[in-house]
Amino acid sequence: MTHEDQQPPAAVLFDTLGADYEKAFAHAPAHLAALDWLIERLPPAARTLDVGSGTGRPTAAALVAAGHSVLGVDVSPVMVELASRQVPEAEFRHADIRQLPLEQDAFDGVCVIFPLLQMTRAEQRAVMRRLTLALRPGGHLVLATVPADVEDAEVAFMGQPVRATSFAEDGVVAMVEAAGLTVLARHDVTFAPDHPAAGPEPHLFLYCRREAPTG
C-alpha cells in the first residue's frame, strides 16, 4: 500500500494543489466578507477554530491580524506546512476533523470554509454536531460549501479528479440547524477561481450562532 493510499482523498488532493489553491480562492469576496462578519462579533482575544485551514490565508491570517488565537486543522501535511510558515502566530495541526477530539464550549468562533465536500453526508452531519458543541453558547460559526444535491459524484476540481458529496441549499441549512445552530444569514454567490482549469462555482455561505441557554 502506498502512502497516498493511506491518506484521506482530501489530503491527496490538497497536497497536490498546495499554494495554487490559495492563489485561486484566497481573494474570494464572499469569503472575506464572512471573515469580516465573524471578526466583528468575536470578543477580544477570542479563541477560534479554522477547519480545513489550508495555507492559512485568508482565514487564519485575518483572525490573527484581528488579535485572536487560531487553531487550524487540515488533513493535508503540505497545507499545514505552508500555513505554519505563512501565519506563524497561529497553531496548525495535521489532523482529520472527523477524528480530532474537541473540548466542549472551547471556541468563540469557528470557520468551516469548504472542508465538508469530501465527506459522506453522515460524516458532514456528525462533524457539524461536534463543531457546534465545541463552540461556546453565544459563539458564532461561518460555513461555506458548494450547494448541490450530489452524493459521491465524480467531478473535476482545478484539473484534479475528485469525488464530492453535498446537499442542496435547504439541505445544508437543515443540517446546520439540526446540529444546534441558528442560521442568521445565508449568501449565495457565484465565484470563478483564478485557475485555468476552474470554471465558475456556486458557493453558499451561512452565518450562524449557537444560542445561549435561556432561563
N, C-alpha and C. Protein backbone atom coordinates (compact mmCIF):
# COMPACT_ATOMS: atom_id res chain seq x y z
N MET A 1 0.85 -1.20 0.00
CA MET A 1 0.00 0.00 0.00
C MET A 1 0.88 1.25 0.00
N THR A 2 0.62 2.18 -0.90
CA THR A 2 1.41 3.40 -0.96
C THR A 2 0.96 4.39 0.10
N HIS A 3 1.81 5.41 0.32
CA HIS A 3 1.45 6.45 1.28
C HIS A 3 0.15 7.14 0.87
N GLU A 4 -0.01 7.39 -0.44
CA GLU A 4 -1.23 8.06 -0.90
C GLU A 4 -2.47 7.21 -0.64
N ASP A 5 -2.33 5.89 -0.75
CA ASP A 5 -3.47 5.01 -0.49
C ASP A 5 -3.94 5.11 0.95
N GLN A 6 -3.03 5.46 1.87
CA GLN A 6 -3.38 5.54 3.29
C GLN A 6 -3.94 6.90 3.67
N GLN A 7 -3.79 7.91 2.82
CA GLN A 7 -4.26 9.25 3.13
C GLN A 7 -5.73 9.41 2.76
N PRO A 8 -6.47 10.27 3.48
CA PRO A 8 -7.81 10.62 3.02
C PRO A 8 -7.73 11.26 1.64
N PRO A 9 -8.74 11.07 0.79
CA PRO A 9 -8.70 11.67 -0.54
C PRO A 9 -8.47 13.18 -0.52
N ALA A 10 -9.04 13.87 0.46
CA ALA A 10 -8.85 15.32 0.53
C ALA A 10 -7.38 15.67 0.76
N ALA A 11 -6.66 14.85 1.53
CA ALA A 11 -5.25 15.11 1.77
C ALA A 11 -4.45 14.98 0.48
N VAL A 12 -4.73 13.95 -0.30
CA VAL A 12 -4.04 13.75 -1.58
C VAL A 12 -4.31 14.94 -2.50
N LEU A 13 -5.58 15.36 -2.59
CA LEU A 13 -5.94 16.47 -3.46
C LEU A 13 -5.21 17.74 -3.07
N PHE A 14 -5.26 18.11 -1.80
CA PHE A 14 -4.71 19.40 -1.40
C PHE A 14 -3.20 19.37 -1.24
N ASP A 15 -2.61 18.20 -1.03
CA ASP A 15 -1.16 18.09 -1.14
C ASP A 15 -0.74 18.45 -2.56
N THR A 16 -1.52 18.01 -3.53
CA THR A 16 -1.21 18.27 -4.93
C THR A 16 -1.39 19.74 -5.28
N LEU A 17 -2.48 20.35 -4.81
CA LEU A 17 -2.78 21.73 -5.17
C LEU A 17 -1.87 22.72 -4.48
N GLY A 18 -1.59 22.51 -3.20
CA GLY A 18 -0.68 23.37 -2.46
C GLY A 18 -1.03 24.84 -2.59
N ALA A 19 -0.01 25.66 -2.88
CA ALA A 19 -0.19 27.11 -2.93
C ALA A 19 -1.09 27.55 -4.07
N ASP A 20 -1.29 26.69 -5.09
CA ASP A 20 -2.20 27.06 -6.18
C ASP A 20 -3.61 27.28 -5.67
N TYR A 21 -4.00 26.55 -4.62
CA TYR A 21 -5.34 26.71 -4.07
C TYR A 21 -5.51 28.12 -3.50
N GLU A 22 -4.50 28.59 -2.78
CA GLU A 22 -4.58 29.95 -2.23
C GLU A 22 -4.71 30.97 -3.34
N LYS A 23 -3.90 30.84 -4.37
CA LYS A 23 -3.97 31.79 -5.49
C LYS A 23 -5.36 31.80 -6.12
N ALA A 24 -5.98 30.63 -6.20
CA ALA A 24 -7.28 30.52 -6.86
C ALA A 24 -8.43 31.06 -6.02
N PHE A 25 -8.34 30.93 -4.68
CA PHE A 25 -9.51 31.17 -3.84
C PHE A 25 -9.35 32.26 -2.78
N ALA A 26 -8.13 32.64 -2.42
CA ALA A 26 -7.95 33.49 -1.23
C ALA A 26 -8.55 34.88 -1.38
N HIS A 27 -8.80 35.32 -2.61
CA HIS A 27 -9.33 36.67 -2.82
C HIS A 27 -10.85 36.68 -2.95
N ALA A 28 -11.52 35.55 -2.72
CA ALA A 28 -12.96 35.47 -2.93
C ALA A 28 -13.70 36.49 -2.06
N PRO A 29 -14.45 37.42 -2.64
CA PRO A 29 -15.10 38.46 -1.84
C PRO A 29 -16.06 37.92 -0.78
N ALA A 30 -16.81 36.86 -1.08
CA ALA A 30 -17.75 36.32 -0.10
C ALA A 30 -17.02 35.71 1.09
N HIS A 31 -15.87 35.10 0.86
CA HIS A 31 -15.06 34.55 1.94
C HIS A 31 -14.56 35.68 2.84
N LEU A 32 -14.03 36.72 2.23
CA LEU A 32 -13.52 37.85 3.01
C LEU A 32 -14.65 38.53 3.78
N ALA A 33 -15.84 38.64 3.17
CA ALA A 33 -16.97 39.24 3.87
C ALA A 33 -17.41 38.41 5.06
N ALA A 34 -17.37 37.07 4.92
CA ALA A 34 -17.73 36.19 6.04
C ALA A 34 -16.75 36.35 7.19
N LEU A 35 -15.48 36.51 6.87
CA LEU A 35 -14.49 36.72 7.93
C LEU A 35 -14.73 38.05 8.63
N ASP A 36 -15.03 39.09 7.88
CA ASP A 36 -15.33 40.39 8.49
C ASP A 36 -16.52 40.27 9.43
N TRP A 37 -17.55 39.56 9.00
CA TRP A 37 -18.75 39.38 9.82
C TRP A 37 -18.40 38.68 11.13
N LEU A 38 -17.62 37.61 11.03
CA LEU A 38 -17.25 36.86 12.23
C LEU A 38 -16.39 37.70 13.16
N ILE A 39 -15.39 38.36 12.61
CA ILE A 39 -14.46 39.15 13.44
C ILE A 39 -15.21 40.26 14.18
N GLU A 40 -16.20 40.85 13.54
CA GLU A 40 -16.99 41.90 14.21
C GLU A 40 -17.71 41.38 15.44
N ARG A 41 -17.95 40.08 15.51
CA ARG A 41 -18.75 39.50 16.59
C ARG A 41 -17.92 38.75 17.63
N LEU A 42 -16.64 38.66 17.43
CA LEU A 42 -15.79 37.95 18.38
C LEU A 42 -15.42 38.86 19.55
N PRO A 43 -15.32 38.31 20.75
CA PRO A 43 -14.81 39.09 21.87
C PRO A 43 -13.31 39.33 21.72
N PRO A 44 -12.74 40.24 22.47
CA PRO A 44 -11.30 40.46 22.37
C PRO A 44 -10.52 39.17 22.69
N ALA A 45 -9.41 38.98 21.96
CA ALA A 45 -8.54 37.82 22.17
C ALA A 45 -9.33 36.51 22.17
N ALA A 46 -10.19 36.37 21.19
CA ALA A 46 -11.05 35.19 21.10
C ALA A 46 -10.23 33.96 20.73
N ARG A 47 -10.77 32.81 21.10
CA ARG A 47 -10.19 31.53 20.70
C ARG A 47 -10.99 31.02 19.51
N THR A 48 -10.32 30.76 18.39
CA THR A 48 -11.04 30.38 17.18
C THR A 48 -10.48 29.08 16.60
N LEU A 49 -11.34 28.41 15.84
CA LEU A 49 -11.00 27.16 15.19
C LEU A 49 -11.23 27.32 13.69
N ASP A 50 -10.22 26.97 12.90
CA ASP A 50 -10.30 27.04 11.44
C ASP A 50 -10.22 25.62 10.90
N VAL A 51 -11.37 25.10 10.46
CA VAL A 51 -11.45 23.72 9.98
C VAL A 51 -11.17 23.69 8.48
N GLY A 52 -10.19 22.90 8.08
CA GLY A 52 -9.74 22.93 6.69
C GLY A 52 -8.97 24.20 6.43
N SER A 53 -7.93 24.43 7.23
CA SER A 53 -7.24 25.72 7.29
C SER A 53 -6.38 26.01 6.08
N GLY A 54 -6.11 25.02 5.24
CA GLY A 54 -5.39 25.27 4.00
C GLY A 54 -4.05 25.93 4.22
N THR A 55 -3.76 26.96 3.43
CA THR A 55 -2.46 27.64 3.51
C THR A 55 -2.42 28.69 4.62
N GLY A 56 -3.52 28.84 5.36
CA GLY A 56 -3.58 29.86 6.40
C GLY A 56 -4.09 31.20 5.93
N ARG A 57 -4.22 31.36 4.62
CA ARG A 57 -4.71 32.61 4.06
C ARG A 57 -5.97 32.33 3.23
N PRO A 58 -7.02 33.14 3.42
CA PRO A 58 -7.05 34.35 4.23
C PRO A 58 -7.53 34.14 5.67
N THR A 59 -8.08 32.97 6.02
CA THR A 59 -8.84 32.85 7.27
C THR A 59 -7.98 33.06 8.50
N ALA A 60 -7.00 32.19 8.72
CA ALA A 60 -6.18 32.30 9.92
C ALA A 60 -5.44 33.64 9.96
N ALA A 61 -4.96 34.09 8.81
CA ALA A 61 -4.23 35.36 8.78
C ALA A 61 -5.12 36.51 9.22
N ALA A 62 -6.37 36.53 8.78
CA ALA A 62 -7.29 37.60 9.16
C ALA A 62 -7.62 37.55 10.64
N LEU A 63 -7.83 36.35 11.17
CA LEU A 63 -8.16 36.21 12.59
C LEU A 63 -6.99 36.63 13.47
N VAL A 64 -5.79 36.24 13.09
CA VAL A 64 -4.60 36.64 13.85
C VAL A 64 -4.41 38.15 13.80
N ALA A 65 -4.59 38.73 12.62
CA ALA A 65 -4.42 40.18 12.47
C ALA A 65 -5.41 40.95 13.33
N ALA A 66 -6.57 40.34 13.61
CA ALA A 66 -7.58 40.98 14.46
C ALA A 66 -7.34 40.73 15.94
N GLY A 67 -6.26 40.02 16.29
CA GLY A 67 -5.89 39.84 17.69
C GLY A 67 -6.39 38.57 18.33
N HIS A 68 -6.80 37.59 17.53
CA HIS A 68 -7.37 36.36 18.07
C HIS A 68 -6.39 35.19 17.94
N SER A 69 -6.56 34.19 18.79
CA SER A 69 -5.78 32.97 18.68
C SER A 69 -6.48 32.01 17.73
N VAL A 70 -5.70 31.22 17.01
CA VAL A 70 -6.27 30.35 15.97
C VAL A 70 -5.67 28.96 16.10
N LEU A 71 -6.54 27.96 16.11
CA LEU A 71 -6.14 26.58 15.89
C LEU A 71 -6.64 26.19 14.51
N GLY A 72 -5.71 25.91 13.60
CA GLY A 72 -6.07 25.47 12.26
C GLY A 72 -5.88 23.97 12.15
N VAL A 73 -6.83 23.30 11.50
CA VAL A 73 -6.80 21.84 11.36
C VAL A 73 -6.94 21.51 9.88
N ASP A 74 -6.05 20.66 9.37
CA ASP A 74 -6.13 20.28 7.97
C ASP A 74 -5.58 18.87 7.79
N VAL A 75 -6.18 18.11 6.86
CA VAL A 75 -5.72 16.74 6.61
C VAL A 75 -4.50 16.70 5.72
N SER A 76 -4.17 17.81 5.08
CA SER A 76 -3.04 17.86 4.15
C SER A 76 -1.77 18.33 4.84
N PRO A 77 -0.75 17.49 4.93
CA PRO A 77 0.51 17.94 5.56
C PRO A 77 1.18 19.06 4.77
N VAL A 78 1.00 19.07 3.46
CA VAL A 78 1.56 20.16 2.66
C VAL A 78 0.92 21.48 3.05
N MET A 79 -0.40 21.49 3.19
CA MET A 79 -1.10 22.71 3.58
C MET A 79 -0.70 23.15 4.99
N VAL A 80 -0.57 22.22 5.90
CA VAL A 80 -0.17 22.57 7.28
C VAL A 80 1.22 23.20 7.29
N GLU A 81 2.12 22.67 6.49
CA GLU A 81 3.47 23.24 6.43
C GLU A 81 3.43 24.65 5.85
N LEU A 82 2.68 24.84 4.78
CA LEU A 82 2.56 26.17 4.18
C LEU A 82 1.95 27.17 5.17
N ALA A 83 0.87 26.74 5.85
CA ALA A 83 0.20 27.64 6.79
C ALA A 83 1.11 28.01 7.96
N SER A 84 1.83 27.03 8.48
CA SER A 84 2.72 27.30 9.61
C SER A 84 3.79 28.31 9.24
N ARG A 85 4.23 28.26 7.99
CA ARG A 85 5.25 29.21 7.54
C ARG A 85 4.64 30.58 7.27
N GLN A 86 3.44 30.61 6.71
CA GLN A 86 2.84 31.88 6.32
C GLN A 86 2.16 32.62 7.46
N VAL A 87 1.63 31.87 8.44
CA VAL A 87 0.95 32.51 9.58
C VAL A 87 1.53 31.90 10.86
N PRO A 88 2.77 32.25 11.19
CA PRO A 88 3.43 31.60 12.33
C PRO A 88 2.79 31.91 13.67
N GLU A 89 1.96 32.95 13.73
CA GLU A 89 1.31 33.30 15.00
C GLU A 89 0.19 32.33 15.37
N ALA A 90 -0.29 31.57 14.40
CA ALA A 90 -1.37 30.61 14.64
C ALA A 90 -0.78 29.22 14.89
N GLU A 91 -1.59 28.34 15.45
CA GLU A 91 -1.21 26.94 15.62
C GLU A 91 -1.93 26.12 14.56
N PHE A 92 -1.18 25.31 13.84
CA PHE A 92 -1.77 24.45 12.81
C PHE A 92 -1.47 23.00 13.14
N ARG A 93 -2.49 22.18 12.95
CA ARG A 93 -2.37 20.77 13.32
C ARG A 93 -2.76 19.90 12.13
N HIS A 94 -1.90 18.93 11.82
CA HIS A 94 -2.21 17.95 10.77
C HIS A 94 -3.10 16.89 11.39
N ALA A 95 -4.38 16.96 11.07
CA ALA A 95 -5.36 16.06 11.69
C ALA A 95 -6.62 16.02 10.86
N ASP A 96 -7.41 14.98 11.07
CA ASP A 96 -8.70 14.82 10.42
C ASP A 96 -9.77 15.26 11.41
N ILE A 97 -10.53 16.28 11.05
CA ILE A 97 -11.52 16.83 11.97
C ILE A 97 -12.56 15.80 12.36
N ARG A 98 -12.74 14.76 11.55
CA ARG A 98 -13.70 13.70 11.89
C ARG A 98 -13.25 12.90 13.10
N GLN A 99 -11.95 12.93 13.39
CA GLN A 99 -11.40 12.12 14.48
C GLN A 99 -10.77 12.94 15.59
N LEU A 100 -10.53 14.21 15.36
CA LEU A 100 -9.83 15.04 16.34
C LEU A 100 -10.70 15.31 17.56
N PRO A 101 -10.23 14.99 18.76
CA PRO A 101 -11.01 15.33 19.96
C PRO A 101 -11.16 16.84 20.10
N LEU A 102 -12.35 17.29 20.43
CA LEU A 102 -12.63 18.71 20.59
C LEU A 102 -13.25 18.95 21.96
N GLU A 103 -12.71 19.90 22.68
CA GLU A 103 -13.24 20.25 24.00
C GLU A 103 -14.56 20.98 23.85
N GLN A 104 -15.52 20.66 24.69
CA GLN A 104 -16.82 21.31 24.60
C GLN A 104 -16.73 22.76 25.05
N ASP A 105 -17.48 23.64 24.37
CA ASP A 105 -17.56 25.08 24.70
C ASP A 105 -16.19 25.74 24.68
N ALA A 106 -15.32 25.32 23.78
CA ALA A 106 -13.92 25.76 23.81
C ALA A 106 -13.64 26.98 22.94
N PHE A 107 -14.46 27.24 21.93
CA PHE A 107 -14.12 28.26 20.94
C PHE A 107 -15.19 29.35 20.88
N ASP A 108 -14.72 30.59 20.68
CA ASP A 108 -15.62 31.72 20.49
C ASP A 108 -16.10 31.82 19.05
N GLY A 109 -15.31 31.31 18.12
CA GLY A 109 -15.66 31.37 16.71
C GLY A 109 -15.10 30.17 15.97
N VAL A 110 -15.84 29.71 14.97
CA VAL A 110 -15.42 28.56 14.17
C VAL A 110 -15.62 28.89 12.70
N CYS A 111 -14.63 28.57 11.88
CA CYS A 111 -14.71 28.73 10.43
C CYS A 111 -14.71 27.35 9.78
N VAL A 112 -15.66 27.12 8.91
CA VAL A 112 -15.80 25.84 8.20
C VAL A 112 -15.92 26.19 6.72
N ILE A 113 -14.80 26.48 6.10
CA ILE A 113 -14.79 27.02 4.74
C ILE A 113 -14.42 25.91 3.75
N PHE A 114 -15.41 25.25 3.23
CA PHE A 114 -15.29 24.21 2.19
C PHE A 114 -14.60 22.91 2.60
N PRO A 115 -14.55 22.50 3.87
CA PRO A 115 -13.88 21.23 4.17
C PRO A 115 -14.79 20.01 4.13
N LEU A 116 -16.09 20.20 3.92
CA LEU A 116 -17.04 19.09 4.07
C LEU A 116 -17.24 18.28 2.80
N LEU A 117 -16.83 18.79 1.66
CA LEU A 117 -17.27 18.25 0.38
C LEU A 117 -16.74 16.85 0.08
N GLN A 118 -15.70 16.42 0.75
CA GLN A 118 -15.19 15.06 0.52
C GLN A 118 -15.49 14.15 1.70
N MET A 119 -16.52 14.50 2.45
CA MET A 119 -17.04 13.63 3.50
C MET A 119 -18.40 13.09 3.06
N THR A 120 -18.79 11.95 3.61
CA THR A 120 -20.14 11.46 3.36
C THR A 120 -21.14 12.38 4.05
N ARG A 121 -22.41 12.25 3.69
CA ARG A 121 -23.42 13.07 4.34
C ARG A 121 -23.51 12.79 5.83
N ALA A 122 -23.39 11.52 6.21
CA ALA A 122 -23.41 11.18 7.63
C ALA A 122 -22.24 11.81 8.35
N GLU A 123 -21.07 11.81 7.71
CA GLU A 123 -19.89 12.43 8.34
C GLU A 123 -20.06 13.94 8.45
N GLN A 124 -20.63 14.56 7.42
CA GLN A 124 -20.87 16.00 7.50
C GLN A 124 -21.79 16.35 8.66
N ARG A 125 -22.86 15.58 8.81
CA ARG A 125 -23.79 15.83 9.93
C ARG A 125 -23.09 15.66 11.28
N ALA A 126 -22.29 14.60 11.39
CA ALA A 126 -21.61 14.33 12.66
C ALA A 126 -20.58 15.41 12.97
N VAL A 127 -19.84 15.85 11.97
CA VAL A 127 -18.85 16.91 12.17
C VAL A 127 -19.52 18.21 12.61
N MET A 128 -20.64 18.55 11.98
CA MET A 128 -21.32 19.79 12.36
C MET A 128 -21.85 19.71 13.79
N ARG A 129 -22.32 18.55 14.22
CA ARG A 129 -22.75 18.42 15.61
C ARG A 129 -21.58 18.61 16.57
N ARG A 130 -20.44 18.03 16.23
CA ARG A 130 -19.26 18.15 17.10
C ARG A 130 -18.75 19.59 17.14
N LEU A 131 -18.77 20.26 16.00
CA LEU A 131 -18.30 21.65 15.96
C LEU A 131 -19.24 22.57 16.75
N THR A 132 -20.53 22.29 16.69
CA THR A 132 -21.48 23.08 17.47
C THR A 132 -21.21 22.94 18.95
N LEU A 133 -20.96 21.73 19.40
CA LEU A 133 -20.65 21.52 20.82
C LEU A 133 -19.33 22.15 21.22
N ALA A 134 -18.39 22.24 20.28
CA ALA A 134 -17.10 22.87 20.58
C ALA A 134 -17.19 24.39 20.63
N LEU A 135 -18.27 24.93 20.07
CA LEU A 135 -18.49 26.37 20.08
C LEU A 135 -19.19 26.76 21.37
N ARG A 136 -18.71 27.80 22.02
CA ARG A 136 -19.35 28.21 23.27
C ARG A 136 -20.75 28.75 22.98
N PRO A 137 -21.70 28.61 23.90
CA PRO A 137 -23.01 29.23 23.71
C PRO A 137 -22.86 30.73 23.48
N GLY A 138 -23.52 31.23 22.48
CA GLY A 138 -23.37 32.63 22.09
C GLY A 138 -22.29 32.85 21.05
N GLY A 139 -21.50 31.82 20.77
CA GLY A 139 -20.44 31.94 19.78
C GLY A 139 -20.96 31.86 18.36
N HIS A 140 -20.12 32.21 17.40
CA HIS A 140 -20.52 32.29 16.00
C HIS A 140 -19.70 31.37 15.12
N LEU A 141 -20.32 30.91 14.07
CA LEU A 141 -19.70 29.99 13.11
C LEU A 141 -20.05 30.44 11.70
N VAL A 142 -19.06 30.41 10.82
CA VAL A 142 -19.32 30.66 9.40
C VAL A 142 -18.99 29.39 8.63
N LEU A 143 -19.86 29.05 7.70
CA LEU A 143 -19.70 27.84 6.91
C LEU A 143 -19.83 28.19 5.44
N ALA A 144 -18.97 27.57 4.63
CA ALA A 144 -19.09 27.71 3.18
C ALA A 144 -19.04 26.33 2.55
N THR A 145 -19.87 26.14 1.53
CA THR A 145 -19.88 24.89 0.80
C THR A 145 -20.39 25.14 -0.61
N VAL A 146 -20.36 24.12 -1.42
CA VAL A 146 -20.98 24.17 -2.74
C VAL A 146 -22.34 23.48 -2.63
N PRO A 147 -23.43 24.23 -2.73
CA PRO A 147 -24.76 23.62 -2.56
C PRO A 147 -25.15 22.82 -3.81
N ALA A 148 -25.27 21.53 -3.65
CA ALA A 148 -25.63 20.67 -4.78
C ALA A 148 -26.13 19.35 -4.23
N ASP A 149 -27.16 18.83 -4.83
CA ASP A 149 -27.73 17.56 -4.39
C ASP A 149 -26.95 16.42 -5.07
N VAL A 150 -25.74 16.16 -4.55
CA VAL A 150 -24.87 15.14 -5.12
C VAL A 150 -24.29 14.28 -4.00
N GLU A 151 -24.06 13.02 -4.33
CA GLU A 151 -23.51 12.09 -3.35
C GLU A 151 -22.48 11.20 -4.03
N ASP A 152 -21.23 11.36 -3.61
CA ASP A 152 -20.11 10.59 -4.17
C ASP A 152 -20.05 10.75 -5.69
N ALA A 153 -20.20 11.98 -6.15
CA ALA A 153 -20.16 12.27 -7.58
C ALA A 153 -18.73 12.58 -8.01
N GLU A 154 -18.36 12.10 -9.18
CA GLU A 154 -17.02 12.39 -9.70
C GLU A 154 -17.05 13.73 -10.42
N VAL A 155 -16.17 14.63 -9.98
CA VAL A 155 -16.10 15.97 -10.57
C VAL A 155 -14.63 16.31 -10.79
N ALA A 156 -14.39 17.34 -11.59
CA ALA A 156 -13.03 17.86 -11.78
C ALA A 156 -12.91 19.15 -10.97
N PHE A 157 -11.85 19.25 -10.19
CA PHE A 157 -11.63 20.44 -9.36
C PHE A 157 -10.21 20.94 -9.62
N MET A 158 -10.11 22.11 -10.24
CA MET A 158 -8.81 22.68 -10.59
C MET A 158 -7.95 21.66 -11.35
N GLY A 159 -8.61 20.94 -12.25
CA GLY A 159 -7.91 19.99 -13.07
C GLY A 159 -7.65 18.64 -12.44
N GLN A 160 -8.11 18.44 -11.20
CA GLN A 160 -7.89 17.18 -10.49
C GLN A 160 -9.22 16.42 -10.36
N PRO A 161 -9.21 15.10 -10.60
CA PRO A 161 -10.44 14.33 -10.41
C PRO A 161 -10.70 14.11 -8.91
N VAL A 162 -11.91 14.41 -8.46
CA VAL A 162 -12.27 14.23 -7.06
C VAL A 162 -13.69 13.66 -7.00
N ARG A 163 -14.03 13.11 -5.86
CA ARG A 163 -15.40 12.67 -5.60
C ARG A 163 -15.98 13.60 -4.53
N ALA A 164 -17.17 14.09 -4.78
CA ALA A 164 -17.75 15.12 -3.92
C ALA A 164 -19.15 14.73 -3.48
N THR A 165 -19.47 15.16 -2.27
CA THR A 165 -20.81 14.95 -1.70
C THR A 165 -21.26 16.26 -1.07
N SER A 166 -22.52 16.61 -1.31
CA SER A 166 -23.06 17.82 -0.70
C SER A 166 -24.57 17.68 -0.59
N PHE A 167 -25.21 18.76 -0.18
CA PHE A 167 -26.66 18.87 -0.11
C PHE A 167 -27.08 20.07 -0.93
N ALA A 168 -28.31 20.08 -1.42
CA ALA A 168 -28.87 21.31 -1.94
C ALA A 168 -28.96 22.33 -0.81
N GLU A 169 -29.17 23.60 -1.16
CA GLU A 169 -29.08 24.67 -0.16
C GLU A 169 -29.96 24.42 1.06
N ASP A 170 -31.21 24.05 0.87
CA ASP A 170 -32.08 23.83 2.02
C ASP A 170 -31.59 22.66 2.87
N GLY A 171 -30.96 21.69 2.24
CA GLY A 171 -30.39 20.57 2.98
C GLY A 171 -29.21 20.98 3.83
N VAL A 172 -28.38 21.88 3.32
CA VAL A 172 -27.26 22.40 4.12
C VAL A 172 -27.80 23.14 5.33
N VAL A 173 -28.78 24.00 5.11
CA VAL A 173 -29.38 24.76 6.22
C VAL A 173 -29.98 23.80 7.24
N ALA A 174 -30.69 22.78 6.78
CA ALA A 174 -31.30 21.81 7.69
C ALA A 174 -30.24 21.08 8.51
N MET A 175 -29.12 20.72 7.88
CA MET A 175 -28.04 20.04 8.59
C MET A 175 -27.47 20.93 9.70
N VAL A 176 -27.26 22.19 9.37
CA VAL A 176 -26.69 23.13 10.34
C VAL A 176 -27.66 23.35 11.50
N GLU A 177 -28.93 23.50 11.18
CA GLU A 177 -29.92 23.72 12.24
C GLU A 177 -30.08 22.47 13.10
N ALA A 178 -30.04 21.30 12.49
CA ALA A 178 -30.14 20.06 13.26
C ALA A 178 -28.96 19.88 14.19
N ALA A 179 -27.82 20.47 13.83
CA ALA A 179 -26.64 20.40 14.69
C ALA A 179 -26.77 21.29 15.93
N GLY A 180 -27.73 22.22 15.90
CA GLY A 180 -27.94 23.08 17.06
C GLY A 180 -27.58 24.53 16.84
N LEU A 181 -27.41 24.93 15.58
CA LEU A 181 -27.05 26.31 15.27
C LEU A 181 -28.26 27.07 14.72
N THR A 182 -28.27 28.36 14.92
CA THR A 182 -29.25 29.25 14.30
C THR A 182 -28.59 29.90 13.09
N VAL A 183 -29.22 29.80 11.93
CA VAL A 183 -28.70 30.46 10.74
C VAL A 183 -29.21 31.89 10.72
N LEU A 184 -28.30 32.83 10.88
CA LEU A 184 -28.66 34.24 10.93
C LEU A 184 -28.76 34.86 9.55
N ALA A 185 -27.96 34.34 8.61
CA ALA A 185 -27.99 34.85 7.24
C ALA A 185 -27.40 33.81 6.31
N ARG A 186 -27.87 33.86 5.06
CA ARG A 186 -27.29 32.99 4.04
C ARG A 186 -26.99 33.84 2.80
N HIS A 187 -25.90 33.49 2.14
CA HIS A 187 -25.48 34.25 0.96
C HIS A 187 -25.12 33.27 -0.15
N ASP A 188 -25.79 33.40 -1.28
CA ASP A 188 -25.50 32.60 -2.47
C ASP A 188 -24.69 33.47 -3.43
N VAL A 189 -23.55 32.94 -3.87
CA VAL A 189 -22.73 33.69 -4.81
C VAL A 189 -22.20 32.71 -5.87
N THR A 190 -21.76 33.28 -6.97
CA THR A 190 -21.03 32.51 -7.98
C THR A 190 -19.62 33.07 -8.03
N PHE A 191 -18.64 32.18 -7.93
CA PHE A 191 -17.24 32.62 -7.87
C PHE A 191 -16.43 31.87 -8.92
N ALA A 192 -15.59 32.60 -9.63
CA ALA A 192 -14.70 31.99 -10.62
C ALA A 192 -13.28 31.96 -10.07
N PRO A 193 -12.78 30.79 -9.66
CA PRO A 193 -11.41 30.70 -9.13
C PRO A 193 -10.38 31.15 -10.16
N ASP A 194 -9.29 31.70 -9.68
CA ASP A 194 -8.21 32.16 -10.53
C ASP A 194 -7.32 30.97 -10.89
N HIS A 195 -7.81 30.14 -11.81
CA HIS A 195 -7.07 28.95 -12.22
C HIS A 195 -7.55 28.56 -13.61
N PRO A 196 -6.64 28.22 -14.51
CA PRO A 196 -7.05 27.94 -15.90
C PRO A 196 -7.96 26.72 -16.04
N ALA A 197 -7.91 25.79 -15.10
CA ALA A 197 -8.73 24.59 -15.19
C ALA A 197 -10.00 24.67 -14.36
N ALA A 198 -10.32 25.86 -13.85
CA ALA A 198 -11.50 26.01 -12.98
C ALA A 198 -12.51 26.92 -13.65
N GLY A 199 -13.78 26.57 -13.51
CA GLY A 199 -14.86 27.41 -14.01
C GLY A 199 -15.65 28.00 -12.85
N PRO A 200 -16.64 28.82 -13.14
CA PRO A 200 -17.47 29.43 -12.07
C PRO A 200 -18.15 28.36 -11.22
N GLU A 201 -18.21 28.62 -9.92
CA GLU A 201 -18.79 27.68 -8.97
C GLU A 201 -19.88 28.38 -8.15
N PRO A 202 -20.97 27.66 -7.82
CA PRO A 202 -21.93 28.21 -6.86
C PRO A 202 -21.41 28.01 -5.44
N HIS A 203 -21.41 29.05 -4.65
CA HIS A 203 -20.98 28.96 -3.26
C HIS A 203 -22.10 29.42 -2.35
N LEU A 204 -22.24 28.73 -1.23
CA LEU A 204 -23.21 29.09 -0.20
C LEU A 204 -22.46 29.39 1.09
N PHE A 205 -22.69 30.57 1.64
CA PHE A 205 -22.11 30.96 2.93
C PHE A 205 -23.24 31.10 3.94
N LEU A 206 -23.08 30.45 5.08
CA LEU A 206 -24.04 30.56 6.17
C LEU A 206 -23.38 31.23 7.36
N TYR A 207 -24.06 32.22 7.92
CA TYR A 207 -23.60 32.92 9.12
C TYR A 207 -24.47 32.40 10.27
N CYS A 208 -23.82 31.81 11.27
CA CYS A 208 -24.56 31.06 12.29
C CYS A 208 -24.15 31.45 13.71
N ARG A 209 -25.03 31.10 14.64
CA ARG A 209 -24.75 31.32 16.06
C ARG A 209 -25.26 30.13 16.86
N ARG A 210 -24.50 29.75 17.87
CA ARG A 210 -25.01 28.79 18.85
C ARG A 210 -25.68 29.58 19.97
N GLU A 211 -26.96 29.40 20.12
CA GLU A 211 -27.70 30.21 21.08
C GLU A 211 -27.32 29.86 22.51
N ALA A 212 -27.25 30.90 23.34
CA ALA A 212 -27.02 30.69 24.76
C ALA A 212 -28.30 30.20 25.41
N PRO A 213 -28.19 29.33 26.41
CA PRO A 213 -29.40 28.84 27.09
C PRO A 213 -30.14 29.99 27.78
N THR A 214 -31.44 29.90 27.83
CA THR A 214 -32.24 30.94 28.49
C THR A 214 -32.77 30.42 29.81
N GLY A 215 -33.11 31.36 30.67
CA GLY A 215 -33.69 30.97 31.95
C GLY A 215 -32.67 30.73 33.02
